[in-house]
Amino acid sequence: MVKSGNFTDLEKLYNDKMTGYNKNVRPIVDTATPFTIKCNFQLIAIKELDEVNGELSVVGFFEVYWADHRMTWNPVDYNHTYTLDVPENEIWAPEIILANPYDKLTSLRKGFLTTMYYSNGVAVWYPGDVISISCPLDVTYYPFDTQMCTLQMVCWGYSTSQVSLITTKDRVKQDFYNKHGTWELMDTISANVTNGLPMVHFTMKIRRRSDFFTVNIIMPVMFIAVLNIFVFLLPVESGERISYSITVLLALAVFLTLVGENLPKTSRPMSILSYFLLSDLILSAVICFFTIYGLNVYFRDDNEYPVPVWLQSVVSNCRCQRRKSSIYDKVSKATKCKKDQTEKSASKISDIAWVLQEPPKVTWKMVARWLDSVMMICSIVTLVALKVIFFILTMISSP
């Protein structure tokens, strides 16, 4: 049978150890040797990362160990009592402070926690809370970004010659970690820091889960930008070209506003996504401008405002290139006809003769149709180039 102490034994042990105990004196044996405090961090969950204000909130607790020679005893003398729980406000405990808080300096000591002592004098303390730290964010690759946030813990009021605050792990412990819906924990680092103050750093590398932003922001913008190009296929007589292009322009402006609300109010660095949306907005504005200009060209009076000679030459050359291409196709088909298809071949030759006729006079309506074709091709090339550049920068250059 394993022997263990009862209430009387605990009460006697508590009275013996706390009688004459001075909680204001650091439990050191030699003042020339720094007092060692071990501190590890146990991460439970990532609560929230506020990109606008640069605030990271996590839930977790610390495992703090130190040795107090005044709290040693022989377990046999107390009926095999090996541990003793003492309120933290009745014993000496290190004043460990979060050095990079978001709001104000806070101590791990809350006044209501207990510290467990072992018979060899080792104290074990588990302070925990919802911790909010200031985390400088790099949103260059938003929403495919990866962030590094660090908890900087310092033993307040002591120098490194008095107290040595160290971590015994090279990683943040995750025994009770719960996954976050927006952020994925990639890696953690626990490190001892020597900068004149007893300090340890607990760094967390987190990556944003981008599926939500891809589906709700990036893909809709891409589809809207593609729809914007089809304004040049809309018949001029429908009278809906201007309203169509302006509607798409406003839709892109709304998406740009939504993204801007979720980004830090800083110009360094700027998100590539912001430039991506701005480029689509500029492209949409250019399309809107040329849509209005094309309507103006289409409804010009050919008698009152004749088409300039140089513009007639440009449009005619473009039309001739298409006519030549058509001729070559028809000739190629005609030469491959079988001998018994003389009537069909004669018909094709007559078509070729019609194509070779003198091209009709260039009118403003022809100029407007030519302008629509040119702008549609330019818009497609520009749009594809913008999308390719965006995905290359975010997917390849992203850390």
Protein backbone atom coordinates (compact mmCIF):
# COMPACT_ATOMS: atom_id res chain seq x y z
CA MET A 1 0.00 0.00 0.00
CA VAL A 2 1.28 3.46 -1.00
CA LYS A 3 1.39 5.82 1.93
CA SER A 4 0.29 9.46 1.47
CA GLY A 5 -0.31 12.46 3.67
CA ASN A 6 -3.70 13.65 4.85
CA PHE A 7 -5.15 17.08 5.60
CA THR A 8 -3.34 17.30 8.93
CA ASP A 9 -0.01 16.52 7.31
CA LEU A 10 -0.57 19.16 4.61
CA GLU A 11 -1.58 21.77 7.14
CA LYS A 12 1.47 21.04 9.28
CA LEU A 13 3.75 21.18 6.25
CA TYR A 14 2.20 24.45 5.12
CA ASN A 15 2.60 26.08 8.55
CA ASP A 16 6.18 24.87 8.89
CA LYS A 17 7.25 26.17 5.49
CA MET A 18 5.39 29.47 5.53
CA THR A 19 6.37 30.48 9.04
CA GLY A 20 9.04 33.14 8.66
CA TYR A 21 8.90 32.96 4.87
CA ASN A 22 9.67 36.33 3.24
CA LYS A 23 8.08 36.51 -0.20
CA ASN A 24 9.98 39.71 -1.04
CA VAL A 25 13.39 38.00 -0.99
CA ARG A 26 14.61 36.17 -4.05
CA PRO A 27 15.41 32.50 -3.16
CA ILE A 28 19.13 32.52 -3.97
CA VAL A 29 21.97 30.67 -2.35
CA ASP A 30 24.82 32.68 -3.89
CA THR A 31 24.29 36.30 -4.99
CA ALA A 32 27.20 35.99 -7.43
CA THR A 33 25.31 33.37 -9.45
CA PRO A 34 22.25 34.28 -11.54
CA PHE A 35 19.03 32.71 -10.30
CA THR A 36 17.71 30.34 -12.98
CA ILE A 37 14.07 30.38 -14.08
CA LYS A 38 12.85 28.01 -16.77
CA CYS A 39 9.93 29.06 -18.93
CA ASN A 40 8.12 27.19 -21.72
CA PHE A 41 4.99 28.19 -23.61
CA GLN A 42 2.02 25.92 -24.28
CA LEU A 43 -0.12 27.18 -27.18
CA ILE A 44 -3.80 26.24 -26.99
CA ALA A 45 -5.34 28.25 -29.84
CA ILE A 46 -4.94 31.23 -32.14
CA LYS A 47 -7.88 33.44 -31.30
CA GLU A 48 -7.60 36.26 -33.83
CA LEU A 49 -5.18 38.21 -35.99
CA ASP A 50 -6.32 41.75 -36.67
CA GLU A 51 -4.60 42.78 -39.91
CA VAL A 52 -5.84 46.35 -39.71
CA ASN A 53 -4.39 47.06 -36.24
CA GLY A 54 -1.57 44.47 -36.22
CA GLU A 55 -2.85 42.60 -33.16
CA LEU A 56 -2.46 38.86 -32.55
CA SER A 57 -4.51 37.21 -29.79
CA VAL A 58 -3.62 33.69 -28.66
CA VAL A 59 -4.80 31.43 -25.86
CA GLY A 60 -2.12 29.60 -23.94
CA PHE A 61 -0.25 29.13 -20.69
CA PHE A 62 3.34 29.12 -19.50
CA GLU A 63 5.20 26.39 -17.66
CA VAL A 64 7.51 28.16 -15.23
CA TYR A 65 10.01 26.33 -13.01
CA TRP A 66 12.47 27.49 -10.37
CA ALA A 67 14.05 26.14 -7.19
CA ASP A 68 13.44 27.57 -3.72
CA HIS A 69 15.72 26.11 -1.06
CA ARG A 70 13.39 27.39 1.66
CA MET A 71 10.63 25.07 0.46
CA THR A 72 12.44 21.73 0.79
CA TRP A 73 11.38 18.98 3.22
CA ASN A 74 11.65 15.29 3.93
CA PRO A 75 8.43 13.60 2.72
CA VAL A 76 8.75 10.92 5.40
CA ASP A 77 8.42 13.56 8.13
CA TYR A 78 5.00 14.49 6.75
CA ASN A 79 3.58 11.05 6.14
CA HIS A 80 4.94 10.80 2.57
CA THR A 81 3.66 14.19 1.41
CA TYR A 82 5.58 15.03 -1.75
CA THR A 83 3.87 18.19 -3.02
CA LEU A 84 2.46 21.37 -1.54
CA ASP A 85 0.19 23.93 -3.23
CA VAL A 86 0.66 27.54 -2.17
CA PRO A 87 -1.15 30.67 -3.48
CA GLU A 88 1.16 32.72 -5.69
CA ASN A 89 0.59 35.89 -3.67
CA GLU A 90 2.05 34.25 -0.55
CA ILE A 91 5.40 33.17 -2.00
CA TRP A 92 8.13 34.66 -4.15
CA ALA A 93 7.32 34.30 -7.83
CA PRO A 94 9.06 35.90 -10.82
CA GLU A 95 7.48 39.01 -12.30
CA ILE A 96 7.35 37.88 -15.90
CA ILE A 97 6.00 40.57 -18.23
CA LEU A 98 4.90 40.49 -21.86
CA ALA A 99 7.33 42.96 -23.44
CA ASN A 100 5.42 43.56 -26.70
CA PRO A 101 1.76 43.87 -25.67
CA TYR A 102 -0.80 45.37 -28.01
CA ASP A 103 -2.45 47.51 -25.35
CA LYS A 104 -0.50 47.71 -22.09
CA LEU A 105 2.13 45.87 -20.06
CA THR A 106 0.67 42.87 -18.28
CA SER A 107 2.17 40.48 -15.76
CA LEU A 108 1.63 36.74 -15.66
CA ARG A 109 0.87 37.04 -11.97
CA LYS A 110 -2.87 37.32 -11.50
CA GLY A 111 -3.02 36.84 -7.71
CA PHE A 112 -5.40 33.87 -7.74
CA LEU A 113 -3.20 31.09 -9.15
CA THR A 114 -1.38 28.48 -7.08
CA THR A 115 2.19 27.30 -7.22
CA MET A 116 3.02 23.65 -6.62
CA TYR A 117 6.21 22.82 -4.71
CA TYR A 118 7.94 19.45 -4.71
CA SER A 119 9.83 18.18 -1.72
CA ASN A 120 13.16 19.02 -3.37
CA GLY A 121 12.16 22.72 -3.52
CA VAL A 122 11.28 22.84 -7.22
CA ALA A 123 8.35 25.17 -7.89
CA VAL A 124 5.97 24.64 -10.80
CA TRP A 125 3.75 27.52 -11.91
CA TYR A 126 1.23 27.51 -14.79
CA PRO A 127 0.00 31.05 -15.51
CA GLY A 128 -2.23 31.39 -18.55
CA ASP A 129 -4.50 33.89 -20.27
CA VAL A 130 -5.69 35.31 -23.57
CA ILE A 131 -2.53 37.08 -24.70
CA SER A 132 -2.65 40.00 -27.14
CA ILE A 133 0.62 41.05 -28.71
CA SER A 134 1.67 43.65 -31.23
CA CYS A 135 2.67 41.90 -34.43
CA PRO A 136 4.08 43.86 -37.42
CA LEU A 137 2.46 42.39 -40.51
CA ASP A 138 3.72 42.05 -44.05
CA VAL A 139 0.63 41.93 -46.28
CA THR A 140 2.53 42.09 -49.57
CA TYR A 141 1.25 38.68 -50.65
CA TYR A 142 -2.24 38.97 -49.11
CA PRO A 143 -4.24 36.68 -49.12
CA PHE A 144 -1.39 34.21 -49.69
CA ASP A 145 0.71 35.72 -46.91
CA THR A 146 2.74 34.16 -44.11
CA GLN A 147 3.26 36.04 -40.84
CA MET A 148 5.84 35.78 -38.05
CA CYS A 149 4.65 36.87 -34.60
CA THR A 150 6.71 36.69 -31.41
CA LEU A 151 5.83 36.67 -27.72
CA GLN A 152 8.63 38.51 -25.93
CA MET A 153 8.68 37.55 -22.26
CA VAL A 154 10.99 39.37 -19.85
CA CYS A 155 11.62 38.94 -16.13
CA TRP A 156 10.85 42.47 -14.98
CA GLY A 157 13.05 44.26 -12.47
CA TYR A 158 16.14 42.06 -12.83
CA SER A 159 19.24 42.05 -14.97
CA THR A 160 20.92 39.03 -16.52
CA SER A 161 23.45 39.04 -13.69
CA GLN A 162 20.65 38.50 -11.19
CA VAL A 163 18.18 36.27 -13.02
CA SER A 164 18.61 33.91 -15.95
CA LEU A 165 15.33 33.33 -17.79
CA ILE A 166 15.67 30.40 -20.19
CA THR A 167 13.49 28.05 -22.19
CA THR A 168 14.26 24.34 -22.24
CA LYS A 169 12.44 23.64 -25.52
CA ASP A 170 13.33 24.65 -29.06
CA ARG A 171 9.66 24.73 -30.09
CA VAL A 172 6.42 26.05 -28.64
CA LYS A 173 4.52 23.15 -27.07
CA GLN A 174 1.24 22.20 -28.78
CA ASP A 175 -0.12 19.40 -26.62
CA PHE A 176 -3.57 21.03 -26.45
CA TYR A 177 -3.54 23.04 -29.68
CA ASN A 178 -6.82 23.64 -31.55
CA LYS A 179 -6.60 24.51 -35.25
CA HIS A 180 -7.78 27.90 -36.46
CA GLY A 181 -10.15 28.36 -39.39
CA THR A 182 -8.25 31.23 -41.03
CA TRP A 183 -4.65 30.71 -39.96
CA GLU A 184 -2.53 27.58 -40.25
CA LEU A 185 0.32 27.15 -37.76
CA MET A 186 3.37 26.32 -39.87
CA ASP A 187 6.23 26.35 -37.37
CA THR A 188 7.26 27.61 -33.94
CA ILE A 189 10.56 28.61 -32.34
CA SER A 190 11.53 29.05 -28.69
CA ALA A 191 14.75 30.98 -28.17
CA ASN A 192 16.77 32.46 -25.33
CA VAL A 193 17.66 36.12 -25.86
CA THR A 194 20.68 37.94 -24.44
CA ASN A 195 20.26 41.71 -24.62
CA GLY A 196 20.93 42.87 -21.05
CA LEU A 197 17.53 41.68 -19.79
CA PRO A 198 16.45 38.14 -18.88
CA MET A 199 14.21 37.40 -21.87
CA VAL A 200 12.85 34.54 -23.95
CA HIS A 201 11.08 34.68 -27.32
CA PHE A 202 8.32 32.39 -28.56
CA THR A 203 7.88 32.83 -32.31
CA MET A 204 4.94 31.48 -34.32
CA LYS A 205 4.95 31.22 -38.11
CA ILE A 206 1.39 31.23 -39.40
CA ARG A 207 0.02 31.09 -42.94
CA ARG A 208 -3.35 32.36 -44.06
CA ARG A 209 -5.81 29.83 -45.46
CA SER A 210 -6.57 31.58 -48.76
CA ASP A 211 -9.51 29.49 -50.03
CA PHE A 212 -12.15 31.88 -48.71
CA PHE A 213 -10.47 34.96 -50.23
CA THR A 214 -9.84 33.22 -53.54
CA VAL A 215 -13.48 32.19 -53.91
CA ASN A 216 -15.05 35.42 -52.62
CA ILE A 217 -12.67 38.12 -53.91
CA ILE A 218 -10.15 37.03 -56.53
CA MET A 219 -12.36 34.79 -58.68
CA PRO A 220 -15.33 37.24 -58.81
CA VAL A 221 -12.98 40.07 -59.81
CA MET A 222 -11.49 37.94 -62.57
CA PHE A 223 -14.94 37.03 -63.92
CA ILE A 224 -16.11 40.65 -63.77
CA ALA A 225 -12.98 41.78 -65.61
CA VAL A 226 -13.62 39.17 -68.32
CA LEU A 227 -17.25 40.32 -68.65
CA ASN A 228 -15.98 43.85 -69.05
CA ILE A 229 -14.32 42.93 -72.36
CA PHE A 230 -17.56 41.70 -73.90
CA VAL A 231 -18.89 45.26 -74.05
CA PHE A 232 -17.24 45.49 -77.49
CA LEU A 233 -19.43 42.62 -78.72
CA LEU A 234 -22.61 44.35 -77.60
CA PRO A 235 -24.46 45.86 -80.60
CA VAL A 236 -24.26 49.64 -80.70
CA GLU A 237 -27.95 49.87 -81.57
CA SER A 238 -28.89 48.22 -78.26
CA GLY A 239 -28.06 51.42 -76.38
CA GLU A 240 -26.69 49.50 -73.37
CA ARG A 241 -22.97 49.79 -73.90
CA ILE A 242 -22.33 52.73 -71.56
CA SER A 243 -24.52 51.41 -68.72
CA TYR A 244 -22.88 47.98 -69.06
CA SER A 245 -19.31 49.29 -68.83
CA ILE A 246 -20.09 51.68 -65.96
CA THR A 247 -21.80 48.89 -63.98
CA VAL A 248 -18.69 46.71 -64.25
CA LEU A 249 -16.50 49.67 -63.25
CA LEU A 250 -18.56 50.25 -60.11
CA ALA A 251 -18.48 46.55 -59.21
CA LEU A 252 -14.69 46.55 -59.31
CA ALA A 253 -14.61 49.72 -57.20
CA VAL A 254 -16.76 47.99 -54.56
CA PHE A 255 -14.39 45.00 -54.39
CA LEU A 256 -11.42 47.35 -54.04
CA THR A 257 -13.16 49.00 -51.06
CA LEU A 258 -13.90 45.64 -49.41
CA VAL A 259 -10.28 44.53 -49.64
CA GLY A 260 -8.99 47.87 -48.37
CA GLU A 261 -11.06 47.58 -45.19
CA ASN A 262 -9.23 44.36 -44.23
CA LEU A 263 -5.71 45.62 -44.80
CA PRO A 264 -3.43 47.62 -42.46
CA LYS A 265 -3.65 51.37 -42.95
CA THR A 266 -0.06 51.60 -44.13
CA SER A 267 1.65 52.27 -47.42
CA ARG A 268 4.72 50.17 -46.66
CA PRO A 269 4.26 47.50 -47.75
CA MET A 270 1.23 47.57 -50.01
CA SER A 271 -0.59 44.38 -50.92
CA ILE A 272 -0.07 43.04 -54.44
CA LEU A 273 -3.80 42.31 -54.45
CA SER A 274 -4.49 46.04 -54.10
CA TYR A 275 -2.39 46.75 -57.18
CA PHE A 276 -4.13 43.87 -58.95
CA LEU A 277 -7.57 45.33 -58.25
CA LEU A 278 -6.38 48.83 -59.09
CA SER A 279 -5.06 47.63 -62.46
CA ASP A 280 -8.41 45.98 -63.20
CA LEU A 281 -10.13 49.21 -62.19
CA ILE A 282 -7.90 51.23 -64.52
CA LEU A 283 -8.48 48.77 -67.35
CA SER A 284 -12.23 49.00 -66.78
CA ALA A 285 -12.03 52.81 -66.84
CA VAL A 286 -10.08 52.71 -70.11
CA ILE A 287 -12.67 50.34 -71.61
CA CYS A 288 -15.43 52.68 -70.45
CA PHE A 289 -13.67 55.63 -72.08
CA PHE A 290 -13.20 53.86 -75.41
CA THR A 291 -16.78 52.64 -75.29
CA ILE A 292 -18.02 56.21 -75.09
CA TYR A 293 -15.53 57.32 -77.73
CA GLY A 294 -16.56 54.44 -80.01
CA LEU A 295 -20.20 55.47 -79.79
CA ASN A 296 -19.21 59.00 -80.71
CA VAL A 297 -17.34 57.69 -83.75
CA TYR A 298 -20.14 55.35 -84.78
CA PHE A 299 -22.80 58.07 -84.98
CA ARG A 300 -20.71 60.67 -86.85
CA ASP A 301 -22.08 61.95 -90.15
CA ASP A 302 -19.88 60.82 -93.04
CA ASN A 303 -20.90 63.80 -95.19
CA GLU A 304 -20.38 66.43 -92.52
CA TYR A 305 -17.25 64.89 -90.99
CA PRO A 306 -15.45 62.79 -93.64
CA VAL A 307 -13.10 60.08 -92.43
CA PRO A 308 -9.48 61.34 -92.59
CA VAL A 309 -7.35 59.85 -95.33
CA TRP A 310 -4.79 58.38 -92.93
CA LEU A 311 -7.53 56.68 -90.90
CA GLN A 312 -9.10 55.33 -94.11
CA SER A 313 -5.71 53.91 -95.04
CA VAL A 314 -5.28 52.19 -91.64
CA VAL A 315 -8.76 50.68 -91.65
CA SER A 316 -8.48 49.67 -95.34
CA ASN A 317 -5.13 47.96 -94.77
CA CYS A 318 -6.58 45.97 -91.88
CA ARG A 319 -9.58 44.99 -93.97
CA CYS A 320 -7.33 44.09 -96.90
CA GLN A 321 -5.32 41.77 -94.72
CA ARG A 322 -8.47 39.94 -93.76
CA ARG A 323 -9.61 39.92 -97.42
CA LYS A 324 -6.28 38.44 -98.50
CA SER A 325 -6.54 35.78 -95.85
CA SER A 326 -10.02 34.96 -97.11
CA ILE A 327 -8.76 34.79 -100.71
CA TYR A 328 -5.97 32.40 -99.80
CA ASP A 329 -8.42 30.14 -98.00
CA LYS A 330 -10.82 30.11 -100.94
CA VAL A 331 -8.07 29.46 -103.51
CA SER A 332 -6.67 26.64 -101.43
CA LYS A 333 -10.07 25.02 -101.18
CA ALA A 334 -10.75 25.53 -104.90
CA THR A 335 -7.51 23.86 -106.03
CA LYS A 336 -8.23 20.81 -103.92
CA CYS A 337 -11.66 20.21 -105.45
CA LYS A 338 -12.23 17.07 -107.40
CA LYS A 339 -12.69 17.18 -111.20
CA ASP A 340 -16.32 16.10 -111.03
CA GLN A 341 -17.17 19.14 -108.87
CA THR A 342 -16.82 21.72 -111.63
CA GLU A 343 -19.93 23.61 -110.72
CA LYS A 344 -18.88 24.03 -107.08
CA SER A 345 -15.39 25.10 -108.19
CA ALA A 346 -16.87 27.68 -110.54
CA SER A 347 -18.95 29.00 -107.69
CA LYS A 348 -15.85 29.34 -105.48
CA ILE A 349 -13.98 31.15 -108.28
CA SER A 350 -16.87 33.62 -108.60
CA ASP A 351 -16.63 34.22 -104.83
CA ILE A 352 -12.93 34.96 -105.22
CA ALA A 353 -13.65 37.41 -108.03
CA TRP A 354 -16.16 39.19 -105.79
CA VAL A 355 -13.57 39.42 -102.99
CA LEU A 356 -11.04 40.93 -105.42
CA GLN A 357 -13.37 43.78 -106.23
CA GLU A 358 -12.51 47.27 -105.09
CA PRO A 359 -13.17 47.60 -101.31
CA PRO A 360 -16.08 49.82 -100.31
CA LYS A 361 -15.57 53.37 -99.04
CA VAL A 362 -14.54 53.57 -95.37
CA THR A 363 -17.27 55.08 -93.18
CA TRP A 364 -17.33 56.08 -89.52
CA LYS A 365 -19.34 52.96 -88.70
CA MET A 366 -16.56 50.85 -90.19
CA VAL A 367 -14.01 52.81 -88.17
CA ALA A 368 -16.04 52.20 -84.98
CA ARG A 369 -16.19 48.44 -85.67
CA TRP A 370 -12.46 48.38 -86.35
CA LEU A 371 -11.84 50.28 -83.08
CA ASP A 372 -13.97 47.74 -81.20
CA SER A 373 -11.91 44.87 -82.60
CA VAL A 374 -8.61 46.54 -81.73
CA MET A 375 -9.71 47.42 -78.21
CA MET A 376 -11.07 43.94 -77.55
CA ILE A 377 -7.78 42.32 -78.57
CA CYS A 378 -5.75 44.81 -76.51
CA SER A 379 -8.02 44.31 -73.49
CA ILE A 380 -7.72 40.51 -73.67
CA VAL A 381 -3.92 40.68 -73.92
CA THR A 382 -3.70 43.17 -71.04
CA LEU A 383 -6.07 41.20 -68.83
CA VAL A 384 -4.23 37.91 -69.37
CA ALA A 385 -0.87 39.60 -68.70
CA LEU A 386 -2.15 41.13 -65.44
CA LYS A 387 -3.51 37.80 -64.18
CA VAL A 388 -0.33 35.92 -65.04
CA ILE A 389 1.86 38.53 -63.32
CA PHE A 390 -0.35 38.50 -60.21
CA PHE A 391 -0.25 34.72 -59.78
CA ILE A 392 3.48 34.56 -60.47
CA LEU A 393 4.20 37.20 -57.81
CA THR A 394 1.91 35.68 -55.18
CA MET A 395 2.50 31.96 -55.72
CA ILE A 396 6.22 31.90 -56.57
CA SER A 397 7.62 34.92 -54.69
CA SER A 398 5.49 34.29 -51.58
CA PRO A 399 7.68 33.22 -48.61
